[in-house]
Amino acid sequence: MLTVADVLERAADLIEPDGAWVKGELGYDADGNRIPDREVIHSAVCFCVAGAIWRAADVGADDTIVWDAFKSLGRSANFRTGVGPWNDKPERTQPEVVAALRRAATLARAGDA
């Protein structure tokens, strides 16, 4: 069974490669088309943190694990603005987002997030 920690680790793996992290959209497909919503996130090749979490969770109707992952990341990274605004801050960097996801996963495994 997939856990919140698993989702956060998978999301970090998705956005860690060069060019795999974006700002401003859930993601983009291989042709550079923006991914407009989570229903088509499976076609993305690069992601914002929210898109990566949606893709990592690979959920259908029950999206509770996604919302739990968002909350866990927010607590770990100490933000209350939502994952999108946090991801999209001009000063935000890819390594910072990856590290925040991995830290949140570690805390979730320990039961602290």
C-alpha atoms as a PDB file:
ATOM      1  CA  MET A   1       0.000   0.000   0.000  1.00  0.00           C
ATOM      2  CA  LEU A   2       1.301   3.429  -0.966  1.00  0.00           C
ATOM      3  CA  THR A   3       2.112   5.757   1.932  1.00  0.00           C
ATOM      4  CA  VAL A   4       2.450   9.539   2.113  1.00  0.00           C
ATOM      5  CA  ALA A   5       6.208   9.056   2.488  1.00  0.00           C
ATOM      6  CA  ASP A   6       6.261   6.935  -0.685  1.00  0.00           C
ATOM      7  CA  VAL A   7       4.389   9.627  -2.611  1.00  0.00           C
ATOM      8  CA  LEU A   8       6.779  12.342  -1.419  1.00  0.00           C
ATOM      9  CA  GLU A   9       9.862  10.261  -2.348  1.00  0.00           C
ATOM     10  CA  ARG A  10       8.433   9.436  -5.771  1.00  0.00           C
ATOM     11  CA  ALA A  11       7.644  13.113  -6.347  1.00  0.00           C
ATOM     12  CA  ALA A  12      11.236  14.025  -5.455  1.00  0.00           C
ATOM     13  CA  ASP A  13      12.503  11.386  -7.900  1.00  0.00           C
ATOM     14  CA  LEU A  14      10.271  12.813 -10.645  1.00  0.00           C
ATOM     15  CA  ILE A  15      11.543  16.385 -10.361  1.00  0.00           C
ATOM     16  CA  GLU A  16      15.189  15.724  -9.500  1.00  0.00           C
ATOM     17  CA  PRO A  17      16.604  15.284 -13.049  1.00  0.00           C
ATOM     18  CA  ASP A  18      17.714  18.416 -14.896  1.00  0.00           C
ATOM     19  CA  GLY A  19      14.770  20.001 -16.668  1.00  0.00           C
ATOM     20  CA  ALA A  20      12.164  17.952 -14.796  1.00  0.00           C
ATOM     21  CA  TRP A  21      10.974  20.750 -12.483  1.00  0.00           C
ATOM     22  CA  VAL A  22       8.867  23.724 -13.571  1.00  0.00           C
ATOM     23  CA  LYS A  23       7.033  26.682 -12.111  1.00  0.00           C
ATOM     24  CA  GLY A  24       3.615  28.038 -12.985  1.00  0.00           C
ATOM     25  CA  GLU A  25       1.935  24.890 -14.336  1.00  0.00           C
ATOM     26  CA  LEU A  26       1.272  21.369 -13.079  1.00  0.00           C
ATOM     27  CA  GLY A  27       3.577  20.174 -15.823  1.00  0.00           C
ATOM     28  CA  TYR A  28       4.337  19.899 -19.519  1.00  0.00           C
ATOM     29  CA  ASP A  29       4.264  16.979 -21.929  1.00  0.00           C
ATOM     30  CA  ALA A  30       7.110  15.928 -24.236  1.00  0.00           C
ATOM     31  CA  ASP A  31       5.900  18.354 -26.934  1.00  0.00           C
ATOM     32  CA  GLY A  32       5.997  21.309 -24.543  1.00  0.00           C
ATOM     33  CA  ASN A  33       2.228  21.501 -24.107  1.00  0.00           C
ATOM     34  CA  ARG A  34       1.101  22.545 -20.647  1.00  0.00           C
ATOM     35  CA  ILE A  35      -0.755  20.006 -18.549  1.00  0.00           C
ATOM     36  CA  PRO A  36      -3.977  21.802 -17.598  1.00  0.00           C
ATOM     37  CA  ASP A  37      -5.170  19.575 -14.768  1.00  0.00           C
ATOM     38  CA  ARG A  38      -4.450  16.492 -12.739  1.00  0.00           C
ATOM     39  CA  GLU A  39      -6.624  14.243 -14.910  1.00  0.00           C
ATOM     40  CA  VAL A  40      -3.938  14.251 -17.608  1.00  0.00           C
ATOM     41  CA  ILE A  41      -0.855  14.417 -15.376  1.00  0.00           C
ATOM     42  CA  HIS A  42       0.185  10.954 -16.619  1.00  0.00           C
ATOM     43  CA  SER A  43       1.317  12.548 -19.903  1.00  0.00           C
ATOM     44  CA  ALA A  44       3.675  15.026 -18.215  1.00  0.00           C
ATOM     45  CA  VAL A  45       7.456  14.774 -18.462  1.00  0.00           C
ATOM     46  CA  CYS A  46       8.211  17.712 -16.171  1.00  0.00           C
ATOM     47  CA  PHE A  47       6.321  18.920 -13.137  1.00  0.00           C
ATOM     48  CA  CYS A  48       5.817  21.547 -10.481  1.00  0.00           C
ATOM     49  CA  VAL A  49       5.795  20.089  -6.975  1.00  0.00           C
ATOM     50  CA  ALA A  50       1.990  19.723  -6.992  1.00  0.00           C
ATOM     51  CA  GLY A  51       2.024  17.973 -10.366  1.00  0.00           C
ATOM     52  CA  ALA A  52       4.793  15.651  -9.206  1.00  0.00           C
ATOM     53  CA  ILE A  53       2.804  14.708  -6.108  1.00  0.00           C
ATOM     54  CA  TRP A  54      -0.331  14.041  -8.184  1.00  0.00           C
ATOM     55  CA  ARG A  55       1.685  11.903 -10.614  1.00  0.00           C
ATOM     56  CA  ALA A  56       3.522  10.068  -7.828  1.00  0.00           C
ATOM     57  CA  ALA A  57       0.274   9.213  -6.065  1.00  0.00           C
ATOM     58  CA  ASP A  58      -1.304   7.875  -9.269  1.00  0.00           C
ATOM     59  CA  VAL A  59      -4.749   8.032  -7.696  1.00  0.00           C
ATOM     60  CA  GLY A  60      -8.219   7.685  -9.052  1.00  0.00           C
ATOM     61  CA  ALA A  61     -11.275   8.768  -7.114  1.00  0.00           C
ATOM     62  CA  ASP A  62      -9.716   8.716  -3.627  1.00  0.00           C
ATOM     63  CA  ASP A  63      -7.191  11.521  -3.603  1.00  0.00           C
ATOM     64  CA  THR A  64      -6.805  11.694   0.184  1.00  0.00           C
ATOM     65  CA  ILE A  65      -3.158  10.641  -0.003  1.00  0.00           C
ATOM     66  CA  VAL A  66      -2.387  13.627  -2.259  1.00  0.00           C
ATOM     67  CA  TRP A  67      -3.882  16.110   0.176  1.00  0.00           C
ATOM     68  CA  ASP A  68      -2.051  14.400   3.044  1.00  0.00           C
ATOM     69  CA  ALA A  69       1.212  14.703   1.082  1.00  0.00           C
ATOM     70  CA  PHE A  70       0.556  18.409   0.444  1.00  0.00           C
ATOM     71  CA  LYS A  71      -0.043  18.941   4.178  1.00  0.00           C
ATOM     72  CA  SER A  72       3.052  16.969   5.118  1.00  0.00           C
ATOM     73  CA  LEU A  73       5.205  19.008   2.734  1.00  0.00           C
ATOM     74  CA  GLY A  74       3.724  22.243   4.067  1.00  0.00           C
ATOM     75  CA  ARG A  75       4.512  21.315   7.657  1.00  0.00           C
ATOM     76  CA  SER A  76       8.024  20.164   6.785  1.00  0.00           C
ATOM     77  CA  ALA A  77       8.875  23.198   4.630  1.00  0.00           C
ATOM     78  CA  ASN A  78       7.023  25.529   7.015  1.00  0.00           C
ATOM     79  CA  PHE A  79       4.694  27.211   4.537  1.00  0.00           C
ATOM     80  CA  ARG A  80       1.000  27.969   4.697  1.00  0.00           C
ATOM     81  CA  THR A  81       0.484  29.448   1.246  1.00  0.00           C
ATOM     82  CA  GLY A  82      -0.224  26.202  -0.575  1.00  0.00           C
ATOM     83  CA  VAL A  83       2.183  24.117  -2.601  1.00  0.00           C
ATOM     84  CA  GLY A  84       1.714  26.073  -5.829  1.00  0.00           C
ATOM     85  CA  PRO A  85       2.661  29.507  -4.492  1.00  0.00           C
ATOM     86  CA  TRP A  86       5.516  27.957  -2.499  1.00  0.00           C
ATOM     87  CA  ASN A  87       6.871  26.166  -5.600  1.00  0.00           C
ATOM     88  CA  ASP A  88       6.480  29.243  -7.803  1.00  0.00           C
ATOM     89  CA  LYS A  89       8.326  31.794  -5.662  1.00  0.00           C
ATOM     90  CA  PRO A  90      10.937  33.511  -7.849  1.00  0.00           C
ATOM     91  CA  GLU A  91      13.767  32.557  -5.484  1.00  0.00           C
ATOM     92  CA  ARG A  92      12.718  28.883  -5.215  1.00  0.00           C
ATOM     93  CA  THR A  93      15.203  26.386  -6.695  1.00  0.00           C
ATOM     94  CA  GLN A  94      14.898  22.830  -7.913  1.00  0.00           C
ATOM     95  CA  PRO A  95      17.378  21.430  -5.335  1.00  0.00           C
ATOM     96  CA  GLU A  96      15.432  23.183  -2.577  1.00  0.00           C
ATOM     97  CA  VAL A  97      12.148  21.605  -3.688  1.00  0.00           C
ATOM     98  CA  VAL A  98      13.695  18.139  -4.001  1.00  0.00           C
ATOM     99  CA  ALA A  99      15.272  18.461  -0.544  1.00  0.00           C
ATOM    100  CA  ALA A 100      11.967  19.614   0.961  1.00  0.00           C
ATOM    101  CA  LEU A 101      10.160  16.606  -0.509  1.00  0.00           C
ATOM    102  CA  ARG A 102      12.795  14.193   0.815  1.00  0.00           C
ATOM    103  CA  ARG A 103      12.759  15.837   4.247  1.00  0.00           C
ATOM    104  CA  ALA A 104       8.949  15.619   4.350  1.00  0.00           C
ATOM    105  CA  ALA A 105       9.140  11.934   3.369  1.00  0.00           C
ATOM    106  CA  THR A 106      11.608  11.229   6.169  1.00  0.00           C
ATOM    107  CA  LEU A 107       9.382  13.000   8.688  1.00  0.00           C
ATOM    108  CA  ALA A 108       6.295  11.191   7.396  1.00  0.00           C
ATOM    109  CA  ARG A 109       8.056   7.838   7.831  1.00  0.00           C
ATOM    110  CA  ALA A 110       8.955   8.815  11.391  1.00  0.00           C
ATOM    111  CA  GLY A 111       5.365   9.854  12.039  1.00  0.00           C
ATOM    112  CA  ASP A 112       6.304  13.497  12.587  1.00  0.00           C
ATOM    113  CA  ALA A 113       4.537  15.043   9.607  1.00  0.00           C
END
